[in-house]
Amino acid sequence: MVVRLAVLAVISALVLGGLFLILRPDPPAASAPEERSFDLEITEGGMDPEEVSVREGDRVTMNITSDRPVEIHVHGYDLEEEVGPGGPTELSFEADLTGRFPMEDHETEE
């Protein structure tokens, strides 16, 4: 009786192990870098959207408009761009760093 239970336990373990290997979900596929474009609007001292998300390797283009002259600064990347009122100013870069990087607008003089 004990031998029978031991054999049954081994067979059950093998079946459960096989089912686990067959039915387990595939790991998420690594996504290829993308071209990402965002429209960033600076009005009355605020930015919209307040945050953008990209993945490492993405090529990022921000089209920035402002209601006053500002200098936009992307910390961590040390990117700065003068933005005047009116038409959009384009800021492009490759997202080759990981983490969170604040963007600030610094007022400039006309």
C-alpha atoms as a PDB file:
ATOM      1  CA  MET A   1       0.000   0.000   0.000  1.00  0.00           C
ATOM      2  CA  VAL A   2       2.837   2.417   0.864  1.00  0.00           C
ATOM      3  CA  VAL A   3       4.614   1.612  -2.418  1.00  0.00           C
ATOM      4  CA  ARG A   4       1.423   2.251  -4.325  1.00  0.00           C
ATOM      5  CA  LEU A   5       0.990   5.680  -2.649  1.00  0.00           C
ATOM      6  CA  ALA A   6       4.631   6.557  -3.376  1.00  0.00           C
ATOM      7  CA  VAL A   7       4.244   5.615  -7.069  1.00  0.00           C
ATOM      8  CA  LEU A   8       0.988   7.568  -7.279  1.00  0.00           C
ATOM      9  CA  ALA A   9       2.668  10.613  -5.669  1.00  0.00           C
ATOM     10  CA  VAL A  10       5.581  10.456  -8.158  1.00  0.00           C
ATOM     11  CA  ILE A  11       3.222  10.134 -11.140  1.00  0.00           C
ATOM     12  CA  SER A  12       1.097  13.016  -9.861  1.00  0.00           C
ATOM     13  CA  ALA A  13       4.179  15.203  -9.413  1.00  0.00           C
ATOM     14  CA  LEU A  14       5.360  14.414 -12.948  1.00  0.00           C
ATOM     15  CA  VAL A  15       1.936  15.182 -14.447  1.00  0.00           C
ATOM     16  CA  LEU A  16       1.611  18.457 -12.511  1.00  0.00           C
ATOM     17  CA  GLY A  17       5.175  19.452 -13.453  1.00  0.00           C
ATOM     18  CA  GLY A  18       4.464  18.710 -17.127  1.00  0.00           C
ATOM     19  CA  LEU A  19       1.237  20.701 -17.027  1.00  0.00           C
ATOM     20  CA  PHE A  20       3.077  23.633 -15.450  1.00  0.00           C
ATOM     21  CA  LEU A  21       5.694  23.625 -18.223  1.00  0.00           C
ATOM     22  CA  ILE A  22       3.089  23.323 -20.977  1.00  0.00           C
ATOM     23  CA  LEU A  23       0.551  25.849 -19.646  1.00  0.00           C
ATOM     24  CA  ARG A  24       2.762  28.561 -18.172  1.00  0.00           C
ATOM     25  CA  PRO A  25       2.439  31.962 -19.851  1.00  0.00           C
ATOM     26  CA  ASP A  26       5.141  33.129 -22.209  1.00  0.00           C
ATOM     27  CA  PRO A  27       7.402  35.876 -20.879  1.00  0.00           C
ATOM     28  CA  PRO A  28       6.526  39.318 -22.238  1.00  0.00           C
ATOM     29  CA  ALA A  29       8.316  40.050 -25.491  1.00  0.00           C
ATOM     30  CA  ALA A  30      10.785  42.911 -25.449  1.00  0.00           C
ATOM     31  CA  SER A  31       9.266  45.686 -27.481  1.00  0.00           C
ATOM     32  CA  ALA A  32      11.251  47.411 -30.169  1.00  0.00           C
ATOM     33  CA  PRO A  33      12.037  51.119 -29.794  1.00  0.00           C
ATOM     34  CA  GLU A  34       9.330  53.396 -31.179  1.00  0.00           C
ATOM     35  CA  GLU A  35       9.013  56.895 -32.569  1.00  0.00           C
ATOM     36  CA  ARG A  36       7.054  58.775 -29.881  1.00  0.00           C
ATOM     37  CA  SER A  37       5.616  62.254 -30.411  1.00  0.00           C
ATOM     38  CA  PHE A  38       4.002  64.481 -27.776  1.00  0.00           C
ATOM     39  CA  ASP A  39       2.342  67.888 -27.913  1.00  0.00           C
ATOM     40  CA  LEU A  40       3.358  69.824 -24.795  1.00  0.00           C
ATOM     41  CA  GLU A  41       1.510  73.051 -23.995  1.00  0.00           C
ATOM     42  CA  ILE A  42       2.759  75.608 -21.475  1.00  0.00           C
ATOM     43  CA  THR A  43       0.067  78.042 -20.334  1.00  0.00           C
ATOM     44  CA  GLU A  44      -0.275  80.201 -17.232  1.00  0.00           C
ATOM     45  CA  GLY A  45       2.770  78.563 -15.621  1.00  0.00           C
ATOM     46  CA  GLY A  46       1.574  74.966 -16.052  1.00  0.00           C
ATOM     47  CA  MET A  47       2.462  72.192 -18.498  1.00  0.00           C
ATOM     48  CA  ASP A  48      -0.025  69.879 -20.174  1.00  0.00           C
ATOM     49  CA  PRO A  49       0.491  66.989 -20.065  1.00  0.00           C
ATOM     50  CA  GLU A  50       2.394  67.112 -16.799  1.00  0.00           C
ATOM     51  CA  GLU A  51       4.110  63.781 -17.519  1.00  0.00           C
ATOM     52  CA  VAL A  52       5.037  61.707 -20.554  1.00  0.00           C
ATOM     53  CA  SER A  53       6.186  58.085 -20.544  1.00  0.00           C
ATOM     54  CA  VAL A  54       8.585  56.454 -22.979  1.00  0.00           C
ATOM     55  CA  ARG A  55      10.696  53.309 -23.025  1.00  0.00           C
ATOM     56  CA  GLU A  56      14.449  53.081 -23.254  1.00  0.00           C
ATOM     57  CA  GLY A  57      15.543  53.343 -26.876  1.00  0.00           C
ATOM     58  CA  ASP A  58      12.468  55.282 -28.049  1.00  0.00           C
ATOM     59  CA  ARG A  59      13.031  58.285 -30.300  1.00  0.00           C
ATOM     60  CA  VAL A  60      11.128  61.138 -28.607  1.00  0.00           C
ATOM     61  CA  THR A  61       9.859  64.317 -30.243  1.00  0.00           C
ATOM     62  CA  MET A  62       8.136  66.977 -28.158  1.00  0.00           C
ATOM     63  CA  ASN A  63       6.262  69.734 -29.985  1.00  0.00           C
ATOM     64  CA  ILE A  64       6.154  72.540 -27.426  1.00  0.00           C
ATOM     65  CA  THR A  65       3.920  75.608 -27.485  1.00  0.00           C
ATOM     66  CA  SER A  66       3.857  78.363 -24.885  1.00  0.00           C
ATOM     67  CA  ASP A  67       1.859  81.473 -24.116  1.00  0.00           C
ATOM     68  CA  ARG A  68       5.062  83.320 -23.128  1.00  0.00           C
ATOM     69  CA  PRO A  69       8.814  83.023 -23.789  1.00  0.00           C
ATOM     70  CA  VAL A  70      10.280  80.147 -21.752  1.00  0.00           C
ATOM     71  CA  GLU A  71      13.229  77.814 -21.734  1.00  0.00           C
ATOM     72  CA  ILE A  72      12.231  74.171 -21.357  1.00  0.00           C
ATOM     73  CA  HIS A  73      14.713  71.983 -19.456  1.00  0.00           C
ATOM     74  CA  VAL A  74      14.681  68.159 -19.351  1.00  0.00           C
ATOM     75  CA  HIS A  75      16.693  67.206 -16.274  1.00  0.00           C
ATOM     76  CA  GLY A  76      18.917  64.124 -16.496  1.00  0.00           C
ATOM     77  CA  TYR A  77      19.350  64.627 -20.222  1.00  0.00           C
ATOM     78  CA  ASP A  78      20.476  68.241 -19.727  1.00  0.00           C
ATOM     79  CA  LEU A  79      18.436  69.337 -22.730  1.00  0.00           C
ATOM     80  CA  GLU A  80      17.357  72.946 -22.995  1.00  0.00           C
ATOM     81  CA  GLU A  81      15.304  74.645 -25.683  1.00  0.00           C
ATOM     82  CA  GLU A  82      14.040  78.223 -26.035  1.00  0.00           C
ATOM     83  CA  VAL A  83      10.301  78.353 -26.727  1.00  0.00           C
ATOM     84  CA  GLY A  84       8.555  81.527 -27.834  1.00  0.00           C
ATOM     85  CA  PRO A  85       4.852  82.259 -27.953  1.00  0.00           C
ATOM     86  CA  GLY A  86       3.152  81.161 -31.116  1.00  0.00           C
ATOM     87  CA  GLY A  87       4.167  78.172 -33.225  1.00  0.00           C
ATOM     88  CA  PRO A  88       5.528  74.957 -31.803  1.00  0.00           C
ATOM     89  CA  THR A  89       9.205  74.384 -31.027  1.00  0.00           C
ATOM     90  CA  GLU A  90      10.485  70.852 -31.570  1.00  0.00           C
ATOM     91  CA  LEU A  91      12.725  69.079 -29.044  1.00  0.00           C
ATOM     92  CA  SER A  92      13.941  65.610 -30.115  1.00  0.00           C
ATOM     93  CA  PHE A  93      16.153  63.066 -28.389  1.00  0.00           C
ATOM     94  CA  GLU A  94      16.733  59.343 -27.970  1.00  0.00           C
ATOM     95  CA  ALA A  95      15.583  57.966 -24.615  1.00  0.00           C
ATOM     96  CA  ASP A  96      18.850  56.226 -23.804  1.00  0.00           C
ATOM     97  CA  LEU A  97      18.621  56.711 -20.022  1.00  0.00           C
ATOM     98  CA  THR A  98      16.217  54.997 -17.627  1.00  0.00           C
ATOM     99  CA  GLY A  99      14.391  56.639 -14.759  1.00  0.00           C
ATOM    100  CA  ARG A 100      12.174  59.632 -14.130  1.00  0.00           C
ATOM    101  CA  PHE A 101      13.298  63.010 -15.432  1.00  0.00           C
ATOM    102  CA  PRO A 102      11.467  66.198 -14.496  1.00  0.00           C
ATOM    103  CA  MET A 103      10.793  68.846 -17.144  1.00  0.00           C
ATOM    104  CA  GLU A 104      10.767  72.479 -16.084  1.00  0.00           C
ATOM    105  CA  ASP A 105      10.006  75.691 -17.859  1.00  0.00           C
ATOM    106  CA  HIS A 106      12.140  78.672 -16.907  1.00  0.00           C
ATOM    107  CA  GLU A 107      10.848  82.107 -17.832  1.00  0.00           C
ATOM    108  CA  THR A 108      13.032  84.077 -20.208  1.00  0.00           C
ATOM    109  CA  GLU A 109      13.018  87.693 -21.285  1.00  0.00           C
ATOM    110  CA  GLU A 110      11.729  88.619 -24.733  1.00  0.00           C
END
